[in-house]
């Protein structure tokens, strides 16, 4: 998941592993919400996702479910890559869309995705832009199209 602080929150939550799932999910949510954009309409989805990641970290078998959009920003962390990530987050907030946003910085991972230029943008594993930061209107259009197709 592209959630800031997820690994650290999971490590902290290990102390709660004997508690009910709902309580663990709430603890993770409370720790992660301040550093991540989570639309109000998707809070329960995020809690379930955080609990799934926690269980996976404990080595438990979990059933994967996917809701919302999956956005990958590809780039080593240059100013253009950072700007693309920030703009994508702003547009998601503006549109009120739930999404998993991941910034992939490892060049081996980037080339394994079949992308050979940065910054790059993938929405639900479809390459939308390579070697440029798309403008805000293009981002809005792509996100709205993909979200509408999921309904």
C-alpha atoms as a PDB file:
ATOM      1  CA  UNK A   1       0.000   0.000   0.000  1.00  0.00           C
ATOM      2  CA  UNK A   2       1.143   3.520  -0.618  1.00  0.00           C
ATOM      3  CA  UNK A   3       0.447   4.697   2.910  1.00  0.00           C
ATOM      4  CA  UNK A   4       2.942   6.902   4.699  1.00  0.00           C
ATOM      5  CA  UNK A   5       4.049   5.305   7.961  1.00  0.00           C
ATOM      6  CA  UNK A   6       2.329   1.951   7.395  1.00  0.00           C
ATOM      7  CA  UNK A   7       5.296  -0.235   8.344  1.00  0.00           C
ATOM      8  CA  UNK A   8       5.892   1.713  11.542  1.00  0.00           C
ATOM      9  CA  UNK A   9       2.193   1.631  12.506  1.00  0.00           C
ATOM     10  CA  UNK A  10       2.072  -2.121  11.937  1.00  0.00           C
ATOM     11  CA  UNK A  11       5.107  -2.614  14.175  1.00  0.00           C
ATOM     12  CA  UNK A  12       3.508  -0.499  16.902  1.00  0.00           C
ATOM     13  CA  UNK A  13       0.207  -2.362  16.554  1.00  0.00           C
ATOM     14  CA  UNK A  14       1.855  -5.742  17.152  1.00  0.00           C
ATOM     15  CA  UNK A  15       1.312  -5.046  20.853  1.00  0.00           C
ATOM     16  CA  UNK A  16      -2.456  -5.222  20.155  1.00  0.00           C
ATOM     17  CA  UNK A  17      -2.421  -8.534  18.234  1.00  0.00           C
ATOM     18  CA  UNK A  18      -4.477 -10.335  20.912  1.00  0.00           C
ATOM     19  CA  UNK A  19      -7.255  -7.732  20.725  1.00  0.00           C
ATOM     20  CA  UNK A  20     -10.328  -7.915  18.445  1.00  0.00           C
ATOM     21  CA  UNK A  21      -9.832  -7.097  14.755  1.00  0.00           C
ATOM     22  CA  UNK A  22     -12.032  -3.999  14.980  1.00  0.00           C
ATOM     23  CA  UNK A  23      -9.839  -2.555  17.724  1.00  0.00           C
ATOM     24  CA  UNK A  24      -6.622  -3.265  15.821  1.00  0.00           C
ATOM     25  CA  UNK A  25      -8.096  -1.672  12.685  1.00  0.00           C
ATOM     26  CA  UNK A  26      -9.049   1.436  14.671  1.00  0.00           C
ATOM     27  CA  UNK A  27      -5.588   1.709  16.249  1.00  0.00           C
ATOM     28  CA  UNK A  28      -3.949   1.516  12.806  1.00  0.00           C
ATOM     29  CA  UNK A  29      -6.416   4.022  11.353  1.00  0.00           C
ATOM     30  CA  UNK A  30      -5.848   6.490  14.206  1.00  0.00           C
ATOM     31  CA  UNK A  31      -2.068   6.300  13.718  1.00  0.00           C
ATOM     32  CA  UNK A  32      -2.151   6.588   9.919  1.00  0.00           C
ATOM     33  CA  UNK A  33      -4.899   9.129   9.245  1.00  0.00           C
ATOM     34  CA  UNK A  34      -2.916  12.249  10.255  1.00  0.00           C
ATOM     35  CA  UNK A  35      -0.219  11.548   7.615  1.00  0.00           C
ATOM     36  CA  UNK A  36      -2.419  10.277   4.756  1.00  0.00           C
ATOM     37  CA  UNK A  37      -5.391  11.487   2.744  1.00  0.00           C
ATOM     38  CA  UNK A  38      -8.359   9.261   3.573  1.00  0.00           C
ATOM     39  CA  UNK A  39     -11.749  10.396   2.253  1.00  0.00           C
ATOM     40  CA  UNK A  40     -14.513  10.272   4.854  1.00  0.00           C
ATOM     41  CA  UNK A  41     -16.559   8.047   2.549  1.00  0.00           C
ATOM     42  CA  UNK A  42     -13.796   5.414   2.531  1.00  0.00           C
ATOM     43  CA  UNK A  43     -12.786   5.195   6.178  1.00  0.00           C
ATOM     44  CA  UNK A  44     -14.181   1.699   6.720  1.00  0.00           C
ATOM     45  CA  UNK A  45     -12.494   0.468   3.518  1.00  0.00           C
ATOM     46  CA  UNK A  46      -9.170   1.823   4.756  1.00  0.00           C
ATOM     47  CA  UNK A  47      -9.621   0.231   8.167  1.00  0.00           C
ATOM     48  CA  UNK A  48     -10.189  -3.157   6.503  1.00  0.00           C
ATOM     49  CA  UNK A  49      -7.157  -2.624   4.269  1.00  0.00           C
ATOM     50  CA  UNK A  50      -4.939  -1.645   7.217  1.00  0.00           C
ATOM     51  CA  UNK A  51      -6.078  -4.736   9.118  1.00  0.00           C
ATOM     52  CA  UNK A  52      -5.308  -6.928   6.056  1.00  0.00           C
ATOM     53  CA  UNK A  53      -1.787  -5.476   5.852  1.00  0.00           C
ATOM     54  CA  UNK A  54      -1.324  -6.032   9.590  1.00  0.00           C
ATOM     55  CA  UNK A  55      -2.366  -9.675   9.281  1.00  0.00           C
ATOM     56  CA  UNK A  56      -0.075 -10.181   6.291  1.00  0.00           C
ATOM     57  CA  UNK A  57       2.808  -8.755   8.336  1.00  0.00           C
ATOM     58  CA  UNK A  58       2.033 -11.363  11.002  1.00  0.00           C
ATOM     59  CA  UNK A  59       2.241 -14.094   8.346  1.00  0.00           C
ATOM     60  CA  UNK A  60      -1.482 -14.818   8.283  1.00  0.00           C
ATOM     61  CA  UNK A  61      -3.232 -15.702   5.038  1.00  0.00           C
ATOM     62  CA  UNK A  62      -5.621 -12.956   3.960  1.00  0.00           C
ATOM     63  CA  UNK A  63      -8.048 -12.470   1.104  1.00  0.00           C
ATOM     64  CA  UNK A  64      -7.146  -9.464  -1.042  1.00  0.00           C
ATOM     65  CA  UNK A  65      -9.876  -7.055  -2.044  1.00  0.00           C
ATOM     66  CA  UNK A  66      -9.509  -3.975  -4.167  1.00  0.00           C
ATOM     67  CA  UNK A  67     -11.672  -0.892  -3.994  1.00  0.00           C
ATOM     68  CA  UNK A  68     -11.037   2.520  -5.418  1.00  0.00           C
ATOM     69  CA  UNK A  69      -8.182   3.493  -7.661  1.00  0.00           C
ATOM     70  CA  UNK A  70      -4.590   2.328  -7.624  1.00  0.00           C
ATOM     71  CA  UNK A  71      -2.181   5.109  -8.537  1.00  0.00           C
ATOM     72  CA  UNK A  72       1.553   4.662  -8.927  1.00  0.00           C
ATOM     73  CA  UNK A  73       3.917   7.578  -9.256  1.00  0.00           C
ATOM     74  CA  UNK A  74       7.200   6.337 -10.708  1.00  0.00           C
ATOM     75  CA  UNK A  75      10.377   8.293 -10.152  1.00  0.00           C
ATOM     76  CA  UNK A  76      13.440   8.552  -7.946  1.00  0.00           C
ATOM     77  CA  UNK A  77      12.140  11.470  -5.902  1.00  0.00           C
ATOM     78  CA  UNK A  78      13.120  14.381  -8.127  1.00  0.00           C
ATOM     79  CA  UNK A  79      11.136  17.638  -7.930  1.00  0.00           C
ATOM     80  CA  UNK A  80       8.992  16.646 -10.936  1.00  0.00           C
ATOM     81  CA  UNK A  81       8.092  13.297  -9.360  1.00  0.00           C
ATOM     82  CA  UNK A  82       7.234  14.940  -6.067  1.00  0.00           C
ATOM     83  CA  UNK A  83       5.105  17.545  -7.881  1.00  0.00           C
ATOM     84  CA  UNK A  84       3.226  14.784  -9.731  1.00  0.00           C
ATOM     85  CA  UNK A  85       2.511  12.957  -6.476  1.00  0.00           C
ATOM     86  CA  UNK A  86       1.322  16.162  -4.782  1.00  0.00           C
ATOM     87  CA  UNK A  87      -0.894  17.136  -7.710  1.00  0.00           C
ATOM     88  CA  UNK A  88      -2.406  13.647  -7.887  1.00  0.00           C
ATOM     89  CA  UNK A  89      -3.239  13.803  -4.171  1.00  0.00           C
ATOM     90  CA  UNK A  90      -4.783  17.264  -4.549  1.00  0.00           C
ATOM     91  CA  UNK A  91      -6.948  16.129  -7.475  1.00  0.00           C
ATOM     92  CA  UNK A  92      -8.097  13.049  -5.528  1.00  0.00           C
ATOM     93  CA  UNK A  93      -9.136  15.281  -2.638  1.00  0.00           C
ATOM     94  CA  UNK A  94     -10.893  17.669  -5.007  1.00  0.00           C
ATOM     95  CA  UNK A  95     -12.809  14.821  -6.669  1.00  0.00           C
ATOM     96  CA  UNK A  96     -13.425  12.959  -3.398  1.00  0.00           C
ATOM     97  CA  UNK A  97     -12.120   9.696  -4.852  1.00  0.00           C
ATOM     98  CA  UNK A  98     -10.706   6.873  -2.748  1.00  0.00           C
ATOM     99  CA  UNK A  99      -7.327   5.699  -3.983  1.00  0.00           C
ATOM    100  CA  UNK A 100      -4.221   3.835  -3.028  1.00  0.00           C
ATOM    101  CA  UNK A 101      -1.276   6.051  -3.960  1.00  0.00           C
ATOM    102  CA  UNK A 102       2.197   4.582  -4.104  1.00  0.00           C
ATOM    103  CA  UNK A 103       5.401   6.390  -5.044  1.00  0.00           C
ATOM    104  CA  UNK A 104       7.791   3.815  -6.533  1.00  0.00           C
ATOM    105  CA  UNK A 105      11.346   5.145  -6.302  1.00  0.00           C
ATOM    106  CA  UNK A 106      13.380   2.000  -6.998  1.00  0.00           C
ATOM    107  CA  UNK A 107      14.580   2.056 -10.621  1.00  0.00           C
ATOM    108  CA  UNK A 108      14.588  -1.755 -10.864  1.00  0.00           C
ATOM    109  CA  UNK A 109      10.930  -1.803  -9.826  1.00  0.00           C
ATOM    110  CA  UNK A 110      10.146   0.982 -12.284  1.00  0.00           C
ATOM    111  CA  UNK A 111      11.737  -0.812 -15.236  1.00  0.00           C
ATOM    112  CA  UNK A 112      10.057  -4.079 -14.161  1.00  0.00           C
ATOM    113  CA  UNK A 113       6.770  -2.240 -14.696  1.00  0.00           C
ATOM    114  CA  UNK A 114       7.845  -1.623 -18.295  1.00  0.00           C
ATOM    115  CA  UNK A 115       8.443   2.091 -17.841  1.00  0.00           C
ATOM    116  CA  UNK A 116      11.734   3.616 -18.941  1.00  0.00           C
ATOM    117  CA  UNK A 117      11.228   7.321 -18.240  1.00  0.00           C
ATOM    118  CA  UNK A 118      10.308   9.349 -15.189  1.00  0.00           C
ATOM    119  CA  UNK A 119       8.248  10.854 -13.838  1.00  0.00           C
ATOM    120  CA  UNK A 120       5.558   8.389 -14.835  1.00  0.00           C
ATOM    121  CA  UNK A 121       1.964   7.855 -13.791  1.00  0.00           C
ATOM    122  CA  UNK A 122       0.037   4.581 -13.720  1.00  0.00           C
ATOM    123  CA  UNK A 123      -3.657   4.424 -12.885  1.00  0.00           C
ATOM    124  CA  UNK A 124      -4.902   0.896 -12.189  1.00  0.00           C
ATOM    125  CA  UNK A 125      -1.722  -0.410 -13.859  1.00  0.00           C
ATOM    126  CA  UNK A 126      -2.339   1.545 -17.084  1.00  0.00           C
ATOM    127  CA  UNK A 127       0.469   3.898 -18.090  1.00  0.00           C
ATOM    128  CA  UNK A 128      -0.972   7.393 -18.475  1.00  0.00           C
ATOM    129  CA  UNK A 129       2.155   9.570 -18.635  1.00  0.00           C
ATOM    130  CA  UNK A 130       5.899   9.048 -19.036  1.00  0.00           C
ATOM    131  CA  UNK A 131       8.632  11.671 -18.909  1.00  0.00           C
ATOM    132  CA  UNK A 132       6.341  14.535 -18.006  1.00  0.00           C
ATOM    133  CA  UNK A 133       4.041  15.872 -15.327  1.00  0.00           C
ATOM    134  CA  UNK A 134       0.548  15.893 -16.816  1.00  0.00           C
ATOM    135  CA  UNK A 135      -1.516  18.985 -16.160  1.00  0.00           C
ATOM    136  CA  UNK A 136      -4.225  19.056 -13.518  1.00  0.00           C
ATOM    137  CA  UNK A 137      -7.056  18.826 -16.061  1.00  0.00           C
ATOM    138  CA  UNK A 138      -5.591  15.699 -17.684  1.00  0.00           C
ATOM    139  CA  UNK A 139      -5.243  14.085 -14.248  1.00  0.00           C
ATOM    140  CA  UNK A 140      -8.852  14.929 -13.395  1.00  0.00           C
ATOM    141  CA  UNK A 141     -10.096  13.515 -16.687  1.00  0.00           C
ATOM    142  CA  UNK A 142      -8.163  10.239 -16.325  1.00  0.00           C
ATOM    143  CA  UNK A 143      -9.181   9.730 -12.705  1.00  0.00           C
ATOM    144  CA  UNK A 144     -12.843  10.457 -13.416  1.00  0.00           C
ATOM    145  CA  UNK A 145     -12.850   8.097 -16.416  1.00  0.00           C
ATOM    146  CA  UNK A 146     -11.281   5.220 -14.503  1.00  0.00           C
ATOM    147  CA  UNK A 147     -13.513   5.789 -11.453  1.00  0.00           C
ATOM    148  CA  UNK A 148     -16.633   5.848 -13.668  1.00  0.00           C
ATOM    149  CA  UNK A 149     -15.578   2.605 -15.375  1.00  0.00           C
ATOM    150  CA  UNK A 150     -15.349   0.881 -11.960  1.00  0.00           C
ATOM    151  CA  UNK A 151     -18.945   1.670 -11.051  1.00  0.00           C
END
